Amino acid sequence: MKKNLFLGLFLMICVSAFGQVSEADADKAFKIIDEANNQLAYKGDYSCTVSLVVEKPGKPKENLQFKFFERIDKDMFTMVQLFPEADKGNGYLKEGDNIWSYDPISRKFSHSSLKEAIGDSDIKVDDMSNDNDSFRKNYKVTGLREEKLGKYDVYVISLEAITSLPAYEKSDFYIRKDIKLLLKKADFSASGRLMSTVLIPKYAKTEKGYVGYQTIIRDELNPGEQTQQVISDLSFEPLPDRIFTKAYLEGLN
């Protein structure tokens, strides 16, 4: 019994040590993520049109479209559905950790979550935001390594959620070493099962920074199911405060 107890304690120590990184590596990982965020054009206010193409085996492709507004330095965004017509006016409003979804038919708001899917797509509310501070607030670093992804040398940074806000418990971020750009994200359950893969194959450089115009999100639990996201009508003009209010969503209908 003592031997089994010792073995159990030993295994617990091993499991606890596995998946942890040194403070220096954790700091390096967050700095790499910071650099990747700084490469992006999303700073301050911006708006864009987000078009989604949802593909599911045995079903016709579904097209969704949203107008998206974000104020990154205040951790705020507003999203309004434009298409299809039957869902026009559905919206989301985020201010800090508070998220509401809006139903224009009932004209009611309900408290929502970053884990909620957008329409029938594979994109979650969490995937839409470009909040640069969310990593340090909501994750701890559990791994940092170097790999090859296609023709690119990349850092692979493994993060584990430390709050209930992230859509997934664990995520691996594949970031280019030469130009710090996110190329791939793999999302896992707490048990380590692959849940979702995000690919960003197309970037364009603007005067404000890089923009990932095309993103592909694959549902790994349902083979063949994926959502393609395309960004258009991107603007960095300052946005009026009223856009980030419940009254704005109510006034659209």
C-alpha atoms as a PDB file:
ATOM      1  CA  MET A   1       0.000   0.000   0.000  1.00  0.00           C
ATOM      2  CA  LYS A   2       2.856   2.380   0.834  1.00  0.00           C
ATOM      3  CA  LYS A   3       4.432   1.564  -2.505  1.00  0.00           C
ATOM      4  CA  ASN A   4       1.177   2.325  -4.329  1.00  0.00           C
ATOM      5  CA  LEU A   5       0.752   5.537  -2.362  1.00  0.00           C
ATOM      6  CA  PHE A   6       4.295   6.608  -3.248  1.00  0.00           C
ATOM      7  CA  LEU A   7       3.706   5.772  -6.906  1.00  0.00           C
ATOM      8  CA  GLY A   8       0.459   7.754  -6.908  1.00  0.00           C
ATOM      9  CA  LEU A   9       2.154  10.800  -5.381  1.00  0.00           C
ATOM     10  CA  PHE A  10       5.005  10.494  -7.883  1.00  0.00           C
ATOM     11  CA  LEU A  11       2.584  10.404 -10.803  1.00  0.00           C
ATOM     12  CA  MET A  12       0.702  13.406  -9.451  1.00  0.00           C
ATOM     13  CA  ILE A  13       3.943  15.372  -9.257  1.00  0.00           C
ATOM     14  CA  CYS A  14       4.852  14.349 -12.807  1.00  0.00           C
ATOM     15  CA  VAL A  15       1.448  15.350 -14.156  1.00  0.00           C
ATOM     16  CA  SER A  16       1.628  18.642 -12.305  1.00  0.00           C
ATOM     17  CA  ALA A  17       5.088  19.397 -13.710  1.00  0.00           C
ATOM     18  CA  PHE A  18       4.136  18.366 -17.239  1.00  0.00           C
ATOM     19  CA  GLY A  19       2.541  21.133 -19.231  1.00  0.00           C
ATOM     20  CA  GLN A  20       4.172  23.884 -17.199  1.00  0.00           C
ATOM     21  CA  VAL A  21       6.843  26.223 -18.552  1.00  0.00           C
ATOM     22  CA  SER A  22       9.413  28.406 -16.889  1.00  0.00           C
ATOM     23  CA  GLU A  23       8.532  31.974 -16.036  1.00  0.00           C
ATOM     24  CA  ALA A  24      11.004  33.134 -18.700  1.00  0.00           C
ATOM     25  CA  ASP A  25       9.368  30.993 -21.411  1.00  0.00           C
ATOM     26  CA  ALA A  26       5.883  32.105 -20.333  1.00  0.00           C
ATOM     27  CA  ASP A  27       6.972  35.727 -20.577  1.00  0.00           C
ATOM     28  CA  LYS A  28       8.552  35.067 -23.982  1.00  0.00           C
ATOM     29  CA  ALA A  29       5.349  33.401 -25.209  1.00  0.00           C
ATOM     30  CA  PHE A  30       3.167  36.349 -24.173  1.00  0.00           C
ATOM     31  CA  LYS A  31       5.640  38.759 -25.798  1.00  0.00           C
ATOM     32  CA  ILE A  32       5.372  36.801 -29.065  1.00  0.00           C
ATOM     33  CA  ILE A  33       1.578  37.037 -28.855  1.00  0.00           C
ATOM     34  CA  ASP A  34       1.887  40.763 -28.125  1.00  0.00           C
ATOM     35  CA  GLU A  35       4.097  41.168 -31.209  1.00  0.00           C
ATOM     36  CA  ALA A  36       1.563  39.256 -33.321  1.00  0.00           C
ATOM     37  CA  ASN A  37      -1.233  41.503 -32.062  1.00  0.00           C
ATOM     38  CA  ASN A  38       0.857  44.618 -32.736  1.00  0.00           C
ATOM     39  CA  GLN A  39       1.333  43.506 -36.349  1.00  0.00           C
ATOM     40  CA  LEU A  40      -2.414  43.648 -36.886  1.00  0.00           C
ATOM     41  CA  ALA A  41      -4.249  46.709 -38.131  1.00  0.00           C
ATOM     42  CA  TYR A  42      -6.878  46.494 -35.400  1.00  0.00           C
ATOM     43  CA  LYS A  43      -6.111  49.315 -33.004  1.00  0.00           C
ATOM     44  CA  GLY A  44      -8.549  51.774 -31.504  1.00  0.00           C
ATOM     45  CA  ASP A  45     -11.828  51.905 -33.478  1.00  0.00           C
ATOM     46  CA  TYR A  46     -12.617  49.987 -36.649  1.00  0.00           C
ATOM     47  CA  SER A  47     -15.575  48.598 -38.541  1.00  0.00           C
ATOM     48  CA  CYS A  48     -15.988  45.981 -41.255  1.00  0.00           C
ATOM     49  CA  THR A  49     -18.403  43.651 -42.994  1.00  0.00           C
ATOM     50  CA  VAL A  50     -18.009  39.984 -42.059  1.00  0.00           C
ATOM     51  CA  SER A  51     -19.296  37.418 -44.566  1.00  0.00           C
ATOM     52  CA  LEU A  52     -19.604  33.793 -43.489  1.00  0.00           C
ATOM     53  CA  VAL A  53     -20.021  30.738 -45.715  1.00  0.00           C
ATOM     54  CA  VAL A  54     -21.177  27.740 -43.668  1.00  0.00           C
ATOM     55  CA  GLU A  55     -20.574  24.270 -45.119  1.00  0.00           C
ATOM     56  CA  LYS A  56     -22.111  21.129 -43.630  1.00  0.00           C
ATOM     57  CA  PRO A  57     -22.147  17.664 -45.236  1.00  0.00           C
ATOM     58  CA  GLY A  58     -25.431  16.910 -46.988  1.00  0.00           C
ATOM     59  CA  LYS A  59     -26.668  20.521 -46.772  1.00  0.00           C
ATOM     60  CA  PRO A  60     -26.482  23.473 -49.170  1.00  0.00           C
ATOM     61  CA  LYS A  61     -24.014  26.204 -48.321  1.00  0.00           C
ATOM     62  CA  GLU A  62     -25.417  28.877 -46.023  1.00  0.00           C
ATOM     63  CA  ASN A  63     -24.430  32.534 -46.317  1.00  0.00           C
ATOM     64  CA  LEU A  64     -24.470  34.912 -43.344  1.00  0.00           C
ATOM     65  CA  GLN A  65     -23.386  38.540 -43.187  1.00  0.00           C
ATOM     66  CA  PHE A  66     -22.753  40.907 -40.274  1.00  0.00           C
ATOM     67  CA  LYS A  67     -21.654  44.470 -39.697  1.00  0.00           C
ATOM     68  CA  PHE A  68     -19.014  44.553 -36.998  1.00  0.00           C
ATOM     69  CA  PHE A  69     -17.809  47.499 -34.899  1.00  0.00           C
ATOM     70  CA  GLU A  70     -15.048  47.289 -32.281  1.00  0.00           C
ATOM     71  CA  ARG A  71     -13.376  49.708 -29.882  1.00  0.00           C
ATOM     72  CA  ILE A  72     -10.375  47.728 -28.764  1.00  0.00           C
ATOM     73  CA  ASP A  73      -8.968  50.059 -26.101  1.00  0.00           C
ATOM     74  CA  LYS A  74     -12.321  49.924 -24.266  1.00  0.00           C
ATOM     75  CA  ASP A  75     -12.916  46.170 -24.880  1.00  0.00           C
ATOM     76  CA  MET A  76     -16.232  46.896 -26.622  1.00  0.00           C
ATOM     77  CA  PHE A  77     -17.882  45.618 -29.781  1.00  0.00           C
ATOM     78  CA  THR A  78     -21.243  45.678 -31.507  1.00  0.00           C
ATOM     79  CA  MET A  79     -22.291  43.197 -34.180  1.00  0.00           C
ATOM     80  CA  VAL A  80     -25.440  43.374 -36.289  1.00  0.00           C
ATOM     81  CA  GLN A  81     -26.695  40.685 -38.664  1.00  0.00           C
ATOM     82  CA  LEU A  82     -27.417  41.885 -42.212  1.00  0.00           C
ATOM     83  CA  PHE A  83     -28.247  38.624 -44.012  1.00  0.00           C
ATOM     84  CA  PRO A  84     -30.282  36.465 -44.372  1.00  0.00           C
ATOM     85  CA  GLU A  85     -33.269  38.759 -44.293  1.00  0.00           C
ATOM     86  CA  ALA A  86     -35.143  36.574 -41.800  1.00  0.00           C
ATOM     87  CA  ASP A  87     -32.408  37.160 -39.194  1.00  0.00           C
ATOM     88  CA  LYS A  88     -31.682  40.780 -40.040  1.00  0.00           C
ATOM     89  CA  GLY A  89     -31.214  42.909 -36.946  1.00  0.00           C
ATOM     90  CA  ASN A  90     -30.012  40.139 -34.628  1.00  0.00           C
ATOM     91  CA  GLY A  91     -27.159  41.607 -32.663  1.00  0.00           C
ATOM     92  CA  TYR A  92     -24.469  41.270 -30.024  1.00  0.00           C
ATOM     93  CA  LEU A  93     -23.098  43.903 -27.687  1.00  0.00           C
ATOM     94  CA  LYS A  94     -19.939  43.502 -25.599  1.00  0.00           C
ATOM     95  CA  GLU A  95     -18.510  45.766 -22.930  1.00  0.00           C
ATOM     96  CA  GLY A  96     -15.704  44.199 -20.936  1.00  0.00           C
ATOM     97  CA  ASP A  97     -16.865  40.837 -19.586  1.00  0.00           C
ATOM     98  CA  ASN A  98     -20.537  41.625 -20.233  1.00  0.00           C
ATOM     99  CA  ILE A  99     -22.055  40.308 -23.456  1.00  0.00           C
ATOM    100  CA  TRP A 100     -25.661  40.592 -24.581  1.00  0.00           C
ATOM    101  CA  SER A 101     -27.483  39.136 -27.559  1.00  0.00           C
ATOM    102  CA  TYR A 102     -30.410  41.064 -29.021  1.00  0.00           C
ATOM    103  CA  ASP A 103     -33.552  39.649 -30.630  1.00  0.00           C
ATOM    104  CA  PRO A 104     -35.264  42.325 -32.777  1.00  0.00           C
ATOM    105  CA  ILE A 105     -38.574  40.414 -32.874  1.00  0.00           C
ATOM    106  CA  SER A 106     -39.061  40.319 -29.104  1.00  0.00           C
ATOM    107  CA  ARG A 107     -36.945  43.474 -28.720  1.00  0.00           C
ATOM    108  CA  LYS A 108     -35.259  41.846 -25.757  1.00  0.00           C
ATOM    109  CA  PHE A 109     -31.655  41.476 -24.648  1.00  0.00           C
ATOM    110  CA  SER A 110     -30.343  38.341 -22.994  1.00  0.00           C
ATOM    111  CA  HIS A 111     -26.999  37.819 -21.317  1.00  0.00           C
ATOM    112  CA  SER A 112     -24.735  35.901 -23.673  1.00  0.00           C
ATOM    113  CA  SER A 113     -21.301  34.279 -23.686  1.00  0.00           C
ATOM    114  CA  LEU A 114     -18.099  34.295 -25.734  1.00  0.00           C
ATOM    115  CA  LYS A 115     -18.754  30.571 -26.200  1.00  0.00           C
ATOM    116  CA  GLU A 116     -21.999  31.148 -28.122  1.00  0.00           C
ATOM    117  CA  ALA A 117     -21.932  30.232 -31.821  1.00  0.00           C
ATOM    118  CA  ILE A 118     -22.735  32.867 -34.442  1.00  0.00           C
ATOM    119  CA  GLY A 119     -25.904  31.691 -36.193  1.00  0.00           C
ATOM    120  CA  ASP A 120     -25.438  28.167 -37.516  1.00  0.00           C
ATOM    121  CA  SER A 121     -21.729  28.714 -38.154  1.00  0.00           C
ATOM    122  CA  ASP A 122     -18.624  27.256 -36.506  1.00  0.00           C
ATOM    123  CA  ILE A 123     -17.536  30.719 -35.350  1.00  0.00           C
ATOM    124  CA  LYS A 124     -18.025  31.672 -31.732  1.00  0.00           C
ATOM    125  CA  VAL A 125     -18.424  35.193 -30.385  1.00  0.00           C
ATOM    126  CA  ASP A 126     -14.911  34.847 -28.950  1.00  0.00           C
ATOM    127  CA  ASP A 127     -13.481  34.428 -32.472  1.00  0.00           C
ATOM    128  CA  MET A 128     -14.765  37.825 -33.593  1.00  0.00           C
ATOM    129  CA  SER A 129     -13.036  40.036 -31.053  1.00  0.00           C
ATOM    130  CA  ASN A 130      -9.486  41.382 -31.425  1.00  0.00           C
ATOM    131  CA  ASP A 131      -9.027  42.269 -27.756  1.00  0.00           C
ATOM    132  CA  ASN A 132      -5.253  42.320 -27.301  1.00  0.00           C
ATOM    133  CA  ASP A 133      -5.305  41.993 -23.520  1.00  0.00           C
ATOM    134  CA  SER A 134      -7.494  38.897 -23.328  1.00  0.00           C
ATOM    135  CA  PHE A 135      -4.565  36.471 -23.414  1.00  0.00           C
ATOM    136  CA  ARG A 136      -2.876  37.653 -20.224  1.00  0.00           C
ATOM    137  CA  LYS A 137      -6.210  38.029 -18.437  1.00  0.00           C
ATOM    138  CA  ASN A 138      -7.687  34.691 -19.401  1.00  0.00           C
ATOM    139  CA  TYR A 139      -4.840  32.226 -20.050  1.00  0.00           C
ATOM    140  CA  LYS A 140      -1.667  30.730 -18.658  1.00  0.00           C
ATOM    141  CA  VAL A 141       1.154  29.427 -20.873  1.00  0.00           C
ATOM    142  CA  THR A 142       1.635  25.664 -20.765  1.00  0.00           C
ATOM    143  CA  GLY A 143       3.984  25.188 -23.713  1.00  0.00           C
ATOM    144  CA  LEU A 144       6.389  26.930 -26.077  1.00  0.00           C
ATOM    145  CA  ARG A 145       8.107  25.130 -28.940  1.00  0.00           C
ATOM    146  CA  GLU A 146       9.288  25.653 -32.516  1.00  0.00           C
ATOM    147  CA  GLU A 147       7.947  23.765 -35.540  1.00  0.00           C
ATOM    148  CA  LYS A 148       7.504  23.949 -39.291  1.00  0.00           C
ATOM    149  CA  LEU A 149       4.037  24.763 -40.666  1.00  0.00           C
ATOM    150  CA  GLY A 150       4.084  24.398 -44.426  1.00  0.00           C
ATOM    151  CA  LYS A 151       6.936  26.610 -45.639  1.00  0.00           C
ATOM    152  CA  TYR A 152       7.007  28.713 -42.454  1.00  0.00           C
ATOM    153  CA  ASP A 153       9.028  28.360 -39.279  1.00  0.00           C
ATOM    154  CA  VAL A 154       6.606  28.949 -36.415  1.00  0.00           C
ATOM    155  CA  TYR A 155       6.370  29.235 -32.673  1.00  0.00           C
ATOM    156  CA  VAL A 156       3.713  26.984 -31.176  1.00  0.00           C
ATOM    157  CA  ILE A 157       2.338  28.501 -27.973  1.00  0.00           C
ATOM    158  CA  SER A 158       0.050  26.361 -25.826  1.00  0.00           C
ATOM    159  CA  LEU A 159      -2.385  28.200 -23.576  1.00  0.00           C
ATOM    160  CA  GLU A 160      -4.829  26.997 -20.944  1.00  0.00           C
ATOM    161  CA  ALA A 161      -7.828  29.015 -19.792  1.00  0.00           C
ATOM    162  CA  ILE A 162      -7.707  30.357 -16.236  1.00  0.00           C
ATOM    163  CA  THR A 163     -11.148  31.988 -16.416  1.00  0.00           C
ATOM    164  CA  SER A 164     -14.516  30.814 -17.736  1.00  0.00           C
ATOM    165  CA  LEU A 165     -14.555  33.383 -20.559  1.00  0.00           C
ATOM    166  CA  PRO A 166     -12.590  31.645 -23.367  1.00  0.00           C
ATOM    167  CA  ALA A 167     -14.587  29.459 -25.723  1.00  0.00           C
ATOM    168  CA  TYR A 168     -12.165  26.537 -25.255  1.00  0.00           C
ATOM    169  CA  GLU A 169     -10.168  25.213 -22.307  1.00  0.00           C
ATOM    170  CA  LYS A 170      -6.903  24.843 -24.225  1.00  0.00           C
ATOM    171  CA  SER A 171      -5.514  26.314 -27.440  1.00  0.00           C
ATOM    172  CA  ASP A 172      -2.322  26.060 -29.500  1.00  0.00           C
ATOM    173  CA  PHE A 173      -1.300  29.175 -31.447  1.00  0.00           C
ATOM    174  CA  TYR A 174       0.992  28.795 -34.495  1.00  0.00           C
ATOM    175  CA  ILE A 175       2.761  32.129 -35.073  1.00  0.00           C
ATOM    176  CA  ARG A 176       5.270  32.862 -37.838  1.00  0.00           C
ATOM    177  CA  LYS A 177       8.803  33.526 -36.620  1.00  0.00           C
ATOM    178  CA  ASP A 178       9.881  36.010 -39.320  1.00  0.00           C
ATOM    179  CA  ILE A 179       6.755  38.196 -39.339  1.00  0.00           C
ATOM    180  CA  LYS A 180       4.745  37.567 -36.213  1.00  0.00           C
ATOM    181  CA  LEU A 181       1.418  36.548 -37.762  1.00  0.00           C
ATOM    182  CA  LEU A 182      -1.009  33.910 -36.508  1.00  0.00           C
ATOM    183  CA  LEU A 183      -1.355  31.189 -39.155  1.00  0.00           C
ATOM    184  CA  LYS A 184      -3.260  28.505 -37.252  1.00  0.00           C
ATOM    185  CA  LYS A 185      -5.058  27.913 -33.967  1.00  0.00           C
ATOM    186  CA  ALA A 186      -6.037  24.508 -32.612  1.00  0.00           C
ATOM    187  CA  ASP A 187      -8.664  24.443 -29.841  1.00  0.00           C
ATOM    188  CA  PHE A 188      -9.040  21.583 -27.375  1.00  0.00           C
ATOM    189  CA  SER A 189     -11.376  20.440 -24.616  1.00  0.00           C
ATOM    190  CA  ALA A 190     -10.128  20.080 -21.047  1.00  0.00           C
ATOM    191  CA  SER A 191      -9.388  16.408 -21.764  1.00  0.00           C
ATOM    192  CA  GLY A 192      -7.247  17.320 -24.777  1.00  0.00           C
ATOM    193  CA  ARG A 193      -9.689  16.402 -27.545  1.00  0.00           C
ATOM    194  CA  LEU A 194      -9.306  18.532 -30.669  1.00  0.00           C
ATOM    195  CA  MET A 195     -12.499  20.554 -31.067  1.00  0.00           C
ATOM    196  CA  SER A 196     -11.767  23.197 -33.687  1.00  0.00           C
ATOM    197  CA  THR A 197      -9.035  24.284 -36.089  1.00  0.00           C
ATOM    198  CA  VAL A 198      -8.703  27.870 -37.299  1.00  0.00           C
ATOM    199  CA  LEU A 199      -6.595  28.657 -40.395  1.00  0.00           C
ATOM    200  CA  ILE A 200      -5.709  32.157 -41.633  1.00  0.00           C
ATOM    201  CA  PRO A 201      -4.243  31.617 -45.128  1.00  0.00           C
ATOM    202  CA  LYS A 202      -4.568  35.160 -46.477  1.00  0.00           C
ATOM    203  CA  TYR A 203      -3.188  38.377 -45.014  1.00  0.00           C
ATOM    204  CA  ALA A 204      -2.945  41.805 -46.606  1.00  0.00           C
ATOM    205  CA  LYS A 205      -0.796  44.683 -45.390  1.00  0.00           C
ATOM    206  CA  THR A 206      -2.516  48.035 -44.930  1.00  0.00           C
ATOM    207  CA  GLU A 207      -1.163  51.354 -43.699  1.00  0.00           C
ATOM    208  CA  LYS A 208      -2.435  50.397 -40.231  1.00  0.00           C
ATOM    209  CA  GLY A 209      -0.937  46.909 -40.211  1.00  0.00           C
ATOM    210  CA  TYR A 210      -1.811  43.385 -41.354  1.00  0.00           C
ATOM    211  CA  VAL A 211      -5.372  42.155 -41.882  1.00  0.00           C
ATOM    212  CA  GLY A 212      -6.338  38.486 -42.105  1.00  0.00           C
ATOM    213  CA  TYR A 213      -8.959  38.787 -44.827  1.00  0.00           C
ATOM    214  CA  GLN A 214      -9.771  35.089 -45.014  1.00  0.00           C
ATOM    215  CA  THR A 215     -10.207  32.703 -42.102  1.00  0.00           C
ATOM    216  CA  ILE A 216     -11.337  29.066 -42.174  1.00  0.00           C
ATOM    217  CA  ILE A 217     -12.810  27.474 -39.040  1.00  0.00           C
ATOM    218  CA  ARG A 218     -13.170  23.689 -39.063  1.00  0.00           C
ATOM    219  CA  ASP A 219     -15.387  21.754 -36.662  1.00  0.00           C
ATOM    220  CA  GLU A 220     -13.182  18.770 -35.826  1.00  0.00           C
ATOM    221  CA  LEU A 221     -16.044  16.876 -34.150  1.00  0.00           C
ATOM    222  CA  ASN A 222     -18.013  16.841 -37.415  1.00  0.00           C
ATOM    223  CA  PRO A 223     -15.745  16.033 -40.386  1.00  0.00           C
ATOM    224  CA  GLY A 224     -16.461  18.166 -43.436  1.00  0.00           C
ATOM    225  CA  GLU A 225     -18.117  20.928 -41.440  1.00  0.00           C
ATOM    226  CA  GLN A 226     -16.462  24.321 -41.678  1.00  0.00           C
ATOM    227  CA  THR A 227     -17.106  28.050 -41.870  1.00  0.00           C
ATOM    228  CA  GLN A 228     -15.181  30.466 -44.066  1.00  0.00           C
ATOM    229  CA  GLN A 229     -14.978  34.078 -42.912  1.00  0.00           C
ATOM    230  CA  VAL A 230     -14.151  36.944 -45.298  1.00  0.00           C
ATOM    231  CA  ILE A 231     -13.538  40.545 -44.200  1.00  0.00           C
ATOM    232  CA  SER A 232     -14.509  43.490 -46.422  1.00  0.00           C
ATOM    233  CA  ASP A 233     -15.357  47.216 -46.184  1.00  0.00           C
ATOM    234  CA  LEU A 234     -12.706  47.686 -43.506  1.00  0.00           C
ATOM    235  CA  SER A 235     -12.568  51.187 -42.019  1.00  0.00           C
ATOM    236  CA  PHE A 236     -10.499  52.677 -39.216  1.00  0.00           C
ATOM    237  CA  GLU A 237     -12.513  55.855 -38.875  1.00  0.00           C
ATOM    238  CA  PRO A 238     -13.454  56.806 -35.277  1.00  0.00           C
ATOM    239  CA  LEU A 239     -16.860  55.443 -34.287  1.00  0.00           C
ATOM    240  CA  PRO A 240     -19.552  57.386 -32.399  1.00  0.00           C
ATOM    241  CA  ASP A 241     -20.161  56.271 -28.811  1.00  0.00           C
ATOM    242  CA  ARG A 242     -23.831  55.503 -29.533  1.00  0.00           C
ATOM    243  CA  ILE A 243     -22.862  52.461 -31.637  1.00  0.00           C
ATOM    244  CA  PHE A 244     -21.775  50.672 -28.468  1.00  0.00           C
ATOM    245  CA  THR A 245     -25.122  50.943 -26.704  1.00  0.00           C
ATOM    246  CA  LYS A 246     -28.270  48.854 -26.434  1.00  0.00           C
ATOM    247  CA  ALA A 247     -30.213  51.836 -27.782  1.00  0.00           C
ATOM    248  CA  TYR A 248     -28.272  51.589 -31.039  1.00  0.00           C
ATOM    249  CA  LEU A 249     -29.346  47.985 -31.654  1.00  0.00           C
ATOM    250  CA  GLU A 250     -32.935  48.805 -30.673  1.00  0.00           C
ATOM    251  CA  GLY A 251     -33.015  51.784 -33.023  1.00  0.00           C
ATOM    252  CA  LEU A 252     -32.020  49.748 -36.092  1.00  0.00           C
ATOM    253  CA  ASN A 253     -35.463  48.108 -36.326  1.00  0.00           C
END
